[in-house]
Amino acid sequence: MFPHFKRAFDQCQPYVLATRMVAPRLEWEPLGFDLKKRGLVLDPQSRHNETFLQMMQNLDRLSFGPHGMAMPKWVFYDCGVMPSAVFGFCGPATSLEPWVRRALEVPDGYTGPVPLTIFIAIPTPEPGAWFTHTLCSINQVAEGAAPAGLRLLSLCLGVRLLKAEMLYGTLQWRSDRIGSFVGIGPLELVTAYTPAHSFRRSLTFRLRLKRFLVEAALIKPGTSPGAPPATHMLDVDDEAALVALQSELENGIPYAIVGAPETRGSIVQLPLRRGAVE
């Protein structure tokens, strides 16, 4: 279906973690991929799945723990499991290198599925709008542990699973996850400097989800489908520039990130567009 991701589908299996109350409301054939037939469907409220859930916690801790943002179990349950569903890809424990198994604390003798990516989004009062809670991949902390592209694949199928029409999220300006999100459309900036967050140099974005753009991101990965041209480049480590950008946003001047980060030496820049995007 998506030839660039054949290796990922061959080596990994999608999983859905959803309660019996949430499951009937999901799109089980996102972009034509039948998750009930080809995926692993788990009930997060069943004790039988405790080992898988613990390994998800371990993956989240490895991904976000160094930033002080590891997800406590109660946050995972209260903010992810109960109001939403969890989507991602997993692989057999036997396919992982010993050092990856140790990092994820895979139990000795365990031969079942191991989570390799996690995508969680939380519904908001705005109809069709969801807020990104988590997006991570084992490749962030153990490069080469799983096929490339799993994070983008998880994001694209995950938003379709949830039937999301709008996606909000918060990211740090140097985050490599920006490239995944902008891969399915321009990121309209809500904030550029965010004192309410643990990290002030964080951005809040709004991403309008259109099925054909999500599909295009998987057919031609590495591009920014539907993104208008940039008007200038932003040095993401220039705090004064971030504060000035925030002031313009507060005065009603729209901005959007329209491409992936570009690194030249020690300078990281993002292509921005000043003005509304369609």
C-alpha atoms as a PDB file:
ATOM      1  CA  MET A   1       0.000   0.000   0.000  1.00  0.00           C
ATOM      2  CA  PHE A   2       2.798   2.423   0.926  1.00  0.00           C
ATOM      3  CA  PRO A   3       5.939   1.053  -0.764  1.00  0.00           C
ATOM      4  CA  HIS A   4       8.354   3.298   1.150  1.00  0.00           C
ATOM      5  CA  PHE A   5       7.165   1.659   4.391  1.00  0.00           C
ATOM      6  CA  LYS A   6       7.129  -1.976   3.255  1.00  0.00           C
ATOM      7  CA  ARG A   7      10.055  -2.837   5.528  1.00  0.00           C
ATOM      8  CA  ALA A   8       8.243  -1.377   8.511  1.00  0.00           C
ATOM      9  CA  PHE A   9       5.083  -3.378   7.788  1.00  0.00           C
ATOM     10  CA  ASP A  10       7.121  -6.531   7.159  1.00  0.00           C
ATOM     11  CA  GLN A  11       9.073  -6.318  10.407  1.00  0.00           C
ATOM     12  CA  CYS A  12       6.549  -4.669  12.736  1.00  0.00           C
ATOM     13  CA  GLN A  13       2.872  -4.884  13.602  1.00  0.00           C
ATOM     14  CA  PRO A  14       0.551  -2.009  14.480  1.00  0.00           C
ATOM     15  CA  TYR A  15      -1.137  -2.154  17.859  1.00  0.00           C
ATOM     16  CA  VAL A  16      -4.172  -0.389  19.313  1.00  0.00           C
ATOM     17  CA  LEU A  17      -4.682   0.008  23.031  1.00  0.00           C
ATOM     18  CA  ALA A  18      -8.324   0.929  23.624  1.00  0.00           C
ATOM     19  CA  THR A  19     -10.905   0.351  26.321  1.00  0.00           C
ATOM     20  CA  ARG A  20     -14.194  -1.329  25.492  1.00  0.00           C
ATOM     21  CA  MET A  21     -15.914   2.070  25.777  1.00  0.00           C
ATOM     22  CA  VAL A  22     -13.582   3.779  23.290  1.00  0.00           C
ATOM     23  CA  ALA A  23     -13.000   0.992  20.734  1.00  0.00           C
ATOM     24  CA  PRO A  24     -16.398   1.259  18.931  1.00  0.00           C
ATOM     25  CA  ARG A  25     -15.702   4.938  18.143  1.00  0.00           C
ATOM     26  CA  LEU A  26     -12.417   4.353  16.289  1.00  0.00           C
ATOM     27  CA  GLU A  27     -11.720   4.100  12.558  1.00  0.00           C
ATOM     28  CA  TRP A  28     -10.445   0.532  12.253  1.00  0.00           C
ATOM     29  CA  GLU A  29      -9.338   0.787   8.616  1.00  0.00           C
ATOM     30  CA  PRO A  30      -7.252   3.997   8.557  1.00  0.00           C
ATOM     31  CA  LEU A  31      -6.052   4.753   5.024  1.00  0.00           C
ATOM     32  CA  GLY A  32      -7.336   1.325   3.984  1.00  0.00           C
ATOM     33  CA  PHE A  33      -5.224  -0.643   6.488  1.00  0.00           C
ATOM     34  CA  ASP A  34      -7.379  -3.154   8.405  1.00  0.00           C
ATOM     35  CA  LEU A  35      -6.152  -2.966  11.997  1.00  0.00           C
ATOM     36  CA  LYS A  36      -8.468  -5.656  13.313  1.00  0.00           C
ATOM     37  CA  LYS A  37      -7.130  -8.199  10.831  1.00  0.00           C
ATOM     38  CA  ARG A  38      -3.483  -7.137  10.677  1.00  0.00           C
ATOM     39  CA  GLY A  39      -2.964  -5.384  13.996  1.00  0.00           C
ATOM     40  CA  LEU A  40      -2.734  -6.256  17.659  1.00  0.00           C
ATOM     41  CA  VAL A  41      -5.734  -5.045  19.676  1.00  0.00           C
ATOM     42  CA  LEU A  42      -5.220  -4.819  23.427  1.00  0.00           C
ATOM     43  CA  ASP A  43      -7.473  -3.894  26.345  1.00  0.00           C
ATOM     44  CA  PRO A  44      -5.494  -1.587  28.679  1.00  0.00           C
ATOM     45  CA  GLN A  45      -7.801  -2.530  31.552  1.00  0.00           C
ATOM     46  CA  SER A  46      -6.897  -6.220  31.371  1.00  0.00           C
ATOM     47  CA  ARG A  47      -4.221  -7.522  33.752  1.00  0.00           C
ATOM     48  CA  HIS A  48      -3.102  -9.862  30.955  1.00  0.00           C
ATOM     49  CA  ASN A  49      -1.505  -6.880  29.187  1.00  0.00           C
ATOM     50  CA  GLU A  50       0.458  -5.555  32.171  1.00  0.00           C
ATOM     51  CA  THR A  51       3.879  -6.506  30.774  1.00  0.00           C
ATOM     52  CA  PHE A  52       3.204  -4.707  27.472  1.00  0.00           C
ATOM     53  CA  LEU A  53       1.978  -1.623  29.356  1.00  0.00           C
ATOM     54  CA  GLN A  54       5.089  -1.584  31.535  1.00  0.00           C
ATOM     55  CA  MET A  55       7.339  -1.713  28.475  1.00  0.00           C
ATOM     56  CA  MET A  56       5.413   1.251  27.055  1.00  0.00           C
ATOM     57  CA  GLN A  57       6.225   3.125  30.254  1.00  0.00           C
ATOM     58  CA  ASN A  58       9.879   2.187  29.811  1.00  0.00           C
ATOM     59  CA  LEU A  59       9.907   3.487  26.224  1.00  0.00           C
ATOM     60  CA  ASP A  60       8.324   6.759  27.329  1.00  0.00           C
ATOM     61  CA  ARG A  61      10.845   7.110  30.172  1.00  0.00           C
ATOM     62  CA  LEU A  62      13.769   6.589  27.814  1.00  0.00           C
ATOM     63  CA  SER A  63      12.335   9.131  25.347  1.00  0.00           C
ATOM     64  CA  PHE A  64      11.339  11.911  27.732  1.00  0.00           C
ATOM     65  CA  GLY A  65      13.050  11.132  31.040  1.00  0.00           C
ATOM     66  CA  PRO A  66      16.240  13.085  30.193  1.00  0.00           C
ATOM     67  CA  HIS A  67      14.056  16.206  29.799  1.00  0.00           C
ATOM     68  CA  GLY A  68      12.288  15.611  33.099  1.00  0.00           C
ATOM     69  CA  MET A  69       9.027  14.864  31.280  1.00  0.00           C
ATOM     70  CA  ALA A  70       8.671  11.103  31.739  1.00  0.00           C
ATOM     71  CA  MET A  71       5.013  10.132  32.010  1.00  0.00           C
ATOM     72  CA  PRO A  72       3.867   8.801  35.425  1.00  0.00           C
ATOM     73  CA  LYS A  73       1.561   5.791  35.264  1.00  0.00           C
ATOM     74  CA  TRP A  74      -1.402   7.760  36.518  1.00  0.00           C
ATOM     75  CA  VAL A  75      -0.921  10.358  33.747  1.00  0.00           C
ATOM     76  CA  PHE A  76      -0.740   7.572  31.156  1.00  0.00           C
ATOM     77  CA  TYR A  77      -3.998   6.110  32.463  1.00  0.00           C
ATOM     78  CA  ASP A  78      -5.906   9.317  33.235  1.00  0.00           C
ATOM     79  CA  CYS A  79      -4.839  11.325  30.161  1.00  0.00           C
ATOM     80  CA  GLY A  80      -4.224   8.598  27.591  1.00  0.00           C
ATOM     81  CA  VAL A  81      -5.957   5.301  28.243  1.00  0.00           C
ATOM     82  CA  MET A  82      -9.307   6.519  29.596  1.00  0.00           C
ATOM     83  CA  PRO A  83     -10.244   9.466  27.326  1.00  0.00           C
ATOM     84  CA  SER A  84      -8.505   8.195  24.191  1.00  0.00           C
ATOM     85  CA  ALA A  85      -6.695   5.287  22.523  1.00  0.00           C
ATOM     86  CA  VAL A  86      -3.000   4.507  22.191  1.00  0.00           C
ATOM     87  CA  PHE A  87      -1.573   3.600  18.791  1.00  0.00           C
ATOM     88  CA  GLY A  88       1.834   2.478  17.657  1.00  0.00           C
ATOM     89  CA  PHE A  89       3.959  -0.306  16.242  1.00  0.00           C
ATOM     90  CA  CYS A  90       5.457  -3.280  18.028  1.00  0.00           C
ATOM     91  CA  GLY A  91       7.879  -6.059  17.157  1.00  0.00           C
ATOM     92  CA  PRO A  92       8.653  -9.513  18.539  1.00  0.00           C
ATOM     93  CA  ALA A  93      11.052  -9.513  21.461  1.00  0.00           C
ATOM     94  CA  THR A  94      13.200 -12.059  19.654  1.00  0.00           C
ATOM     95  CA  SER A  95      13.909  -9.554  16.850  1.00  0.00           C
ATOM     96  CA  LEU A  96      15.495  -6.983  19.172  1.00  0.00           C
ATOM     97  CA  GLU A  97      19.192  -6.710  19.895  1.00  0.00           C
ATOM     98  CA  PRO A  98      20.109  -7.737  23.475  1.00  0.00           C
ATOM     99  CA  TRP A  99      21.087  -4.172  24.396  1.00  0.00           C
ATOM    100  CA  VAL A 100      17.669  -2.890  23.213  1.00  0.00           C
ATOM    101  CA  ARG A 101      15.911  -5.540  25.299  1.00  0.00           C
ATOM    102  CA  ARG A 102      17.922  -4.414  28.324  1.00  0.00           C
ATOM    103  CA  ALA A 103      17.106  -0.744  27.718  1.00  0.00           C
ATOM    104  CA  LEU A 104      13.370  -1.486  27.555  1.00  0.00           C
ATOM    105  CA  GLU A 105      13.654  -3.895  30.491  1.00  0.00           C
ATOM    106  CA  VAL A 106      12.105  -6.741  28.531  1.00  0.00           C
ATOM    107  CA  PRO A 107      11.616  -9.580  31.052  1.00  0.00           C
ATOM    108  CA  ASP A 108      13.887 -12.600  30.748  1.00  0.00           C
ATOM    109  CA  GLY A 109      12.216 -15.313  28.710  1.00  0.00           C
ATOM    110  CA  TYR A 110       9.578 -12.951  27.281  1.00  0.00           C
ATOM    111  CA  THR A 111       8.941 -13.655  23.584  1.00  0.00           C
ATOM    112  CA  GLY A 112       5.820 -11.568  22.973  1.00  0.00           C
ATOM    113  CA  PRO A 113       5.373  -8.164  21.304  1.00  0.00           C
ATOM    114  CA  VAL A 114       7.428  -5.160  22.419  1.00  0.00           C
ATOM    115  CA  PRO A 115       6.174  -1.579  21.797  1.00  0.00           C
ATOM    116  CA  LEU A 116       8.473   0.398  19.481  1.00  0.00           C
ATOM    117  CA  THR A 117       6.432   3.580  19.012  1.00  0.00           C
ATOM    118  CA  ILE A 118       3.713   5.387  20.965  1.00  0.00           C
ATOM    119  CA  PHE A 119       1.173   7.920  19.717  1.00  0.00           C
ATOM    120  CA  ILE A 120      -1.442   9.366  22.054  1.00  0.00           C
ATOM    121  CA  ALA A 121      -3.760  12.305  21.430  1.00  0.00           C
ATOM    122  CA  ILE A 122      -6.444  13.610  23.792  1.00  0.00           C
ATOM    123  CA  PRO A 123      -9.872  14.881  22.645  1.00  0.00           C
ATOM    124  CA  THR A 124     -10.644  18.553  23.280  1.00  0.00           C
ATOM    125  CA  PRO A 125     -13.975  20.438  23.567  1.00  0.00           C
ATOM    126  CA  GLU A 126     -13.436  21.731  20.020  1.00  0.00           C
ATOM    127  CA  PRO A 127     -15.288  19.304  17.699  1.00  0.00           C
ATOM    128  CA  GLY A 128     -12.851  17.088  15.791  1.00  0.00           C
ATOM    129  CA  ALA A 129      -9.813  18.578  17.557  1.00  0.00           C
ATOM    130  CA  TRP A 130      -7.258  16.549  19.513  1.00  0.00           C
ATOM    131  CA  PHE A 131      -4.189  17.504  21.537  1.00  0.00           C
ATOM    132  CA  THR A 132      -0.996  15.487  21.056  1.00  0.00           C
ATOM    133  CA  HIS A 133      -0.016  13.876  24.327  1.00  0.00           C
ATOM    134  CA  THR A 134       2.860  11.624  23.207  1.00  0.00           C
ATOM    135  CA  LEU A 135       4.728  10.752  20.028  1.00  0.00           C
ATOM    136  CA  CYS A 136       7.922   8.752  20.412  1.00  0.00           C
ATOM    137  CA  SER A 137       9.944   5.954  18.843  1.00  0.00           C
ATOM    138  CA  ILE A 138      12.597   3.526  20.048  1.00  0.00           C
ATOM    139  CA  ASN A 139      14.802   4.944  17.276  1.00  0.00           C
ATOM    140  CA  GLN A 140      15.033   8.211  19.239  1.00  0.00           C
ATOM    141  CA  VAL A 141      16.944   6.486  22.039  1.00  0.00           C
ATOM    142  CA  ALA A 142      18.329   3.385  20.305  1.00  0.00           C
ATOM    143  CA  GLU A 143      19.144   4.419  16.759  1.00  0.00           C
ATOM    144  CA  GLY A 144      18.614   1.582  14.299  1.00  0.00           C
ATOM    145  CA  ALA A 145      16.680  -0.573  16.758  1.00  0.00           C
ATOM    146  CA  ALA A 146      13.641  -0.592  14.470  1.00  0.00           C
ATOM    147  CA  PRO A 147      12.909   0.253  10.810  1.00  0.00           C
ATOM    148  CA  ALA A 148      13.151   3.936   9.917  1.00  0.00           C
ATOM    149  CA  GLY A 149       9.946   5.921   9.468  1.00  0.00           C
ATOM    150  CA  LEU A 150       7.946   4.231  12.244  1.00  0.00           C
ATOM    151  CA  ARG A 151       7.230   7.524  14.011  1.00  0.00           C
ATOM    152  CA  LEU A 152       5.725   9.197  10.926  1.00  0.00           C
ATOM    153  CA  LEU A 153       3.781   6.029  10.118  1.00  0.00           C
ATOM    154  CA  SER A 154       2.407   5.914  13.662  1.00  0.00           C
ATOM    155  CA  LEU A 155       1.370   9.563  13.479  1.00  0.00           C
ATOM    156  CA  CYS A 156      -0.396   9.257  10.117  1.00  0.00           C
ATOM    157  CA  LEU A 157      -2.321   6.084  10.911  1.00  0.00           C
ATOM    158  CA  GLY A 158      -2.947   7.263  14.477  1.00  0.00           C
ATOM    159  CA  VAL A 159      -4.724  10.497  13.538  1.00  0.00           C
ATOM    160  CA  ARG A 160      -6.889   8.577  11.085  1.00  0.00           C
ATOM    161  CA  LEU A 161      -7.684   5.939  13.735  1.00  0.00           C
ATOM    162  CA  LEU A 162      -8.953   8.738  16.008  1.00  0.00           C
ATOM    163  CA  LYS A 163     -10.866  10.434  13.164  1.00  0.00           C
ATOM    164  CA  ALA A 164      -9.066  13.653  14.052  1.00  0.00           C
ATOM    165  CA  GLU A 165      -9.706  16.742  11.922  1.00  0.00           C
ATOM    166  CA  MET A 166      -7.415  19.098  13.829  1.00  0.00           C
ATOM    167  CA  LEU A 167      -4.318  18.326  15.862  1.00  0.00           C
ATOM    168  CA  TYR A 168      -2.765  20.581  18.484  1.00  0.00           C
ATOM    169  CA  GLY A 169       0.568  19.955  20.148  1.00  0.00           C
ATOM    170  CA  THR A 170       3.440  21.425  22.135  1.00  0.00           C
ATOM    171  CA  LEU A 171       7.070  20.955  21.106  1.00  0.00           C
ATOM    172  CA  GLN A 172      10.449  22.373  22.006  1.00  0.00           C
ATOM    173  CA  TRP A 173      11.977  24.392  19.177  1.00  0.00           C
ATOM    174  CA  ARG A 174      14.917  22.002  18.802  1.00  0.00           C
ATOM    175  CA  SER A 175      12.724  18.886  18.772  1.00  0.00           C
ATOM    176  CA  ASP A 176      13.289  16.543  15.845  1.00  0.00           C
ATOM    177  CA  ARG A 177       9.586  15.632  16.032  1.00  0.00           C
ATOM    178  CA  ILE A 178       8.753  18.896  14.245  1.00  0.00           C
ATOM    179  CA  GLY A 179       9.774  17.210  10.988  1.00  0.00           C
ATOM    180  CA  SER A 180       7.202  14.433  11.501  1.00  0.00           C
ATOM    181  CA  PHE A 181       4.315  16.814  12.119  1.00  0.00           C
ATOM    182  CA  VAL A 182       5.157  19.292   9.355  1.00  0.00           C
ATOM    183  CA  GLY A 183       5.369  16.292   7.029  1.00  0.00           C
ATOM    184  CA  ILE A 184       1.570  16.212   6.927  1.00  0.00           C
ATOM    185  CA  GLY A 185       0.936  19.932   6.650  1.00  0.00           C
ATOM    186  CA  PRO A 186       1.993  23.414   7.816  1.00  0.00           C
ATOM    187  CA  LEU A 187       2.036  23.971  11.584  1.00  0.00           C
ATOM    188  CA  GLU A 188       0.097  27.108  12.469  1.00  0.00           C
ATOM    189  CA  LEU A 189       1.718  28.700  15.519  1.00  0.00           C
ATOM    190  CA  VAL A 190      -0.464  29.288  18.573  1.00  0.00           C
ATOM    191  CA  THR A 191       2.487  30.204  20.808  1.00  0.00           C
ATOM    192  CA  ALA A 192       6.193  30.693  20.111  1.00  0.00           C
ATOM    193  CA  TYR A 193       7.313  31.354  23.692  1.00  0.00           C
ATOM    194  CA  THR A 194       5.286  29.602  26.385  1.00  0.00           C
ATOM    195  CA  PRO A 195       5.836  30.604  30.053  1.00  0.00           C
ATOM    196  CA  ALA A 196       3.011  28.287  31.199  1.00  0.00           C
ATOM    197  CA  HIS A 197       5.089  25.290  30.061  1.00  0.00           C
ATOM    198  CA  SER A 198       8.010  23.748  31.956  1.00  0.00           C
ATOM    199  CA  PHE A 199      10.175  24.862  29.027  1.00  0.00           C
ATOM    200  CA  ARG A 200       9.450  28.452  28.018  1.00  0.00           C
ATOM    201  CA  ARG A 201      11.169  27.986  24.671  1.00  0.00           C
ATOM    202  CA  SER A 202       8.335  25.745  23.546  1.00  0.00           C
ATOM    203  CA  LEU A 203       5.884  26.251  20.704  1.00  0.00           C
ATOM    204  CA  THR A 204       2.236  25.332  20.482  1.00  0.00           C
ATOM    205  CA  PHE A 205       0.936  24.408  17.036  1.00  0.00           C
ATOM    206  CA  ARG A 206      -2.319  23.704  15.233  1.00  0.00           C
ATOM    207  CA  LEU A 207      -2.307  21.255  12.326  1.00  0.00           C
ATOM    208  CA  ARG A 208      -5.325  20.976  10.035  1.00  0.00           C
ATOM    209  CA  LEU A 209      -5.606  17.327   9.050  1.00  0.00           C
ATOM    210  CA  LYS A 210      -6.678  16.587   5.502  1.00  0.00           C
ATOM    211  CA  ARG A 211      -6.855  12.949   4.445  1.00  0.00           C
ATOM    212  CA  PHE A 212      -5.135  13.491   1.104  1.00  0.00           C
ATOM    213  CA  LEU A 213      -2.210  15.266   2.790  1.00  0.00           C
ATOM    214  CA  VAL A 214      -1.832  12.531   5.419  1.00  0.00           C
ATOM    215  CA  GLU A 215      -1.833   9.944   2.647  1.00  0.00           C
ATOM    216  CA  ALA A 216       0.620  11.997   0.572  1.00  0.00           C
ATOM    217  CA  ALA A 217       3.037  12.110   3.520  1.00  0.00           C
ATOM    218  CA  LEU A 218       3.324   8.318   3.327  1.00  0.00           C
ATOM    219  CA  ILE A 219       3.440   8.136  -0.456  1.00  0.00           C
ATOM    220  CA  LYS A 220       6.157  10.808  -0.724  1.00  0.00           C
ATOM    221  CA  PRO A 221       7.845  10.947   2.701  1.00  0.00           C
ATOM    222  CA  GLY A 222      10.312  13.750   3.309  1.00  0.00           C
ATOM    223  CA  THR A 223       8.188  16.390   1.619  1.00  0.00           C
ATOM    224  CA  SER A 224       5.766  18.915   3.125  1.00  0.00           C
ATOM    225  CA  PRO A 225       2.607  18.434   1.065  1.00  0.00           C
ATOM    226  CA  GLY A 226       0.405  21.483   0.770  1.00  0.00           C
ATOM    227  CA  ALA A 227       2.892  23.765   2.520  1.00  0.00           C
ATOM    228  CA  PRO A 228       3.143  27.320   1.142  1.00  0.00           C
ATOM    229  CA  PRO A 229       6.591  28.874   0.583  1.00  0.00           C
ATOM    230  CA  ALA A 230       8.468  30.340   3.534  1.00  0.00           C
ATOM    231  CA  THR A 231       8.865  34.082   3.987  1.00  0.00           C
ATOM    232  CA  HIS A 232      11.933  33.804   6.241  1.00  0.00           C
ATOM    233  CA  MET A 233      14.074  31.474   8.362  1.00  0.00           C
ATOM    234  CA  LEU A 234      13.947  31.485  12.167  1.00  0.00           C
ATOM    235  CA  ASP A 235      17.014  30.772  14.308  1.00  0.00           C
ATOM    236  CA  VAL A 236      15.360  28.569  16.944  1.00  0.00           C
ATOM    237  CA  ASP A 237      18.066  29.329  19.554  1.00  0.00           C
ATOM    238  CA  ASP A 238      17.534  33.097  19.354  1.00  0.00           C
ATOM    239  CA  GLU A 239      15.368  33.683  22.426  1.00  0.00           C
ATOM    240  CA  ALA A 240      14.804  37.347  21.590  1.00  0.00           C
ATOM    241  CA  ALA A 241      13.437  36.319  18.196  1.00  0.00           C
ATOM    242  CA  LEU A 242      11.079  33.819  19.858  1.00  0.00           C
ATOM    243  CA  VAL A 243       9.782  36.485  22.251  1.00  0.00           C
ATOM    244  CA  ALA A 244       9.288  38.924  19.355  1.00  0.00           C
ATOM    245  CA  LEU A 245       7.442  36.231  17.402  1.00  0.00           C
ATOM    246  CA  GLN A 246       5.228  35.561  20.426  1.00  0.00           C
ATOM    247  CA  SER A 247       4.372  39.266  20.628  1.00  0.00           C
ATOM    248  CA  GLU A 248       3.276  39.257  16.999  1.00  0.00           C
ATOM    249  CA  LEU A 249       1.117  36.163  17.577  1.00  0.00           C
ATOM    250  CA  GLU A 250      -0.509  37.859  20.574  1.00  0.00           C
ATOM    251  CA  ASN A 251      -1.281  40.840  18.324  1.00  0.00           C
ATOM    252  CA  GLY A 252      -3.101  38.595  15.873  1.00  0.00           C
ATOM    253  CA  ILE A 253      -0.409  38.188  13.215  1.00  0.00           C
ATOM    254  CA  PRO A 254      -0.443  34.564  12.002  1.00  0.00           C
ATOM    255  CA  TYR A 255       2.687  32.485  11.439  1.00  0.00           C
ATOM    256  CA  ALA A 256       3.230  28.887  10.381  1.00  0.00           C
ATOM    257  CA  ILE A 257       6.131  26.438  10.216  1.00  0.00           C
ATOM    258  CA  VAL A 258       6.181  25.262   6.604  1.00  0.00           C
ATOM    259  CA  GLY A 259       9.159  22.921   6.490  1.00  0.00           C
ATOM    260  CA  ALA A 260      11.481  20.673   8.452  1.00  0.00           C
ATOM    261  CA  PRO A 261      14.405  22.019  10.518  1.00  0.00           C
ATOM    262  CA  GLU A 262      17.602  22.852   8.644  1.00  0.00           C
ATOM    263  CA  THR A 263      20.948  22.572  10.435  1.00  0.00           C
ATOM    264  CA  ARG A 264      24.113  24.328   9.294  1.00  0.00           C
ATOM    265  CA  GLY A 265      26.968  23.931  11.729  1.00  0.00           C
ATOM    266  CA  SER A 266      25.652  25.048  15.118  1.00  0.00           C
ATOM    267  CA  ILE A 267      22.687  26.953  13.696  1.00  0.00           C
ATOM    268  CA  VAL A 268      19.239  25.335  13.521  1.00  0.00           C
ATOM    269  CA  GLN A 269      16.657  27.183  11.467  1.00  0.00           C
ATOM    270  CA  LEU A 270      13.011  26.619  10.674  1.00  0.00           C
ATOM    271  CA  PRO A 271      11.222  27.962   7.589  1.00  0.00           C
ATOM    272  CA  LEU A 272       8.334  30.209   8.681  1.00  0.00           C
ATOM    273  CA  ARG A 273       5.570  31.862   6.729  1.00  0.00           C
ATOM    274  CA  ARG A 274       4.114  35.143   7.943  1.00  0.00           C
ATOM    275  CA  GLY A 275       0.426  35.304   7.105  1.00  0.00           C
ATOM    276  CA  ALA A 276      -2.509  32.909   7.017  1.00  0.00           C
ATOM    277  CA  VAL A 277      -2.211  29.459   5.429  1.00  0.00           C
ATOM    278  CA  GLU A 278      -5.075  27.574   3.843  1.00  0.00           C
END
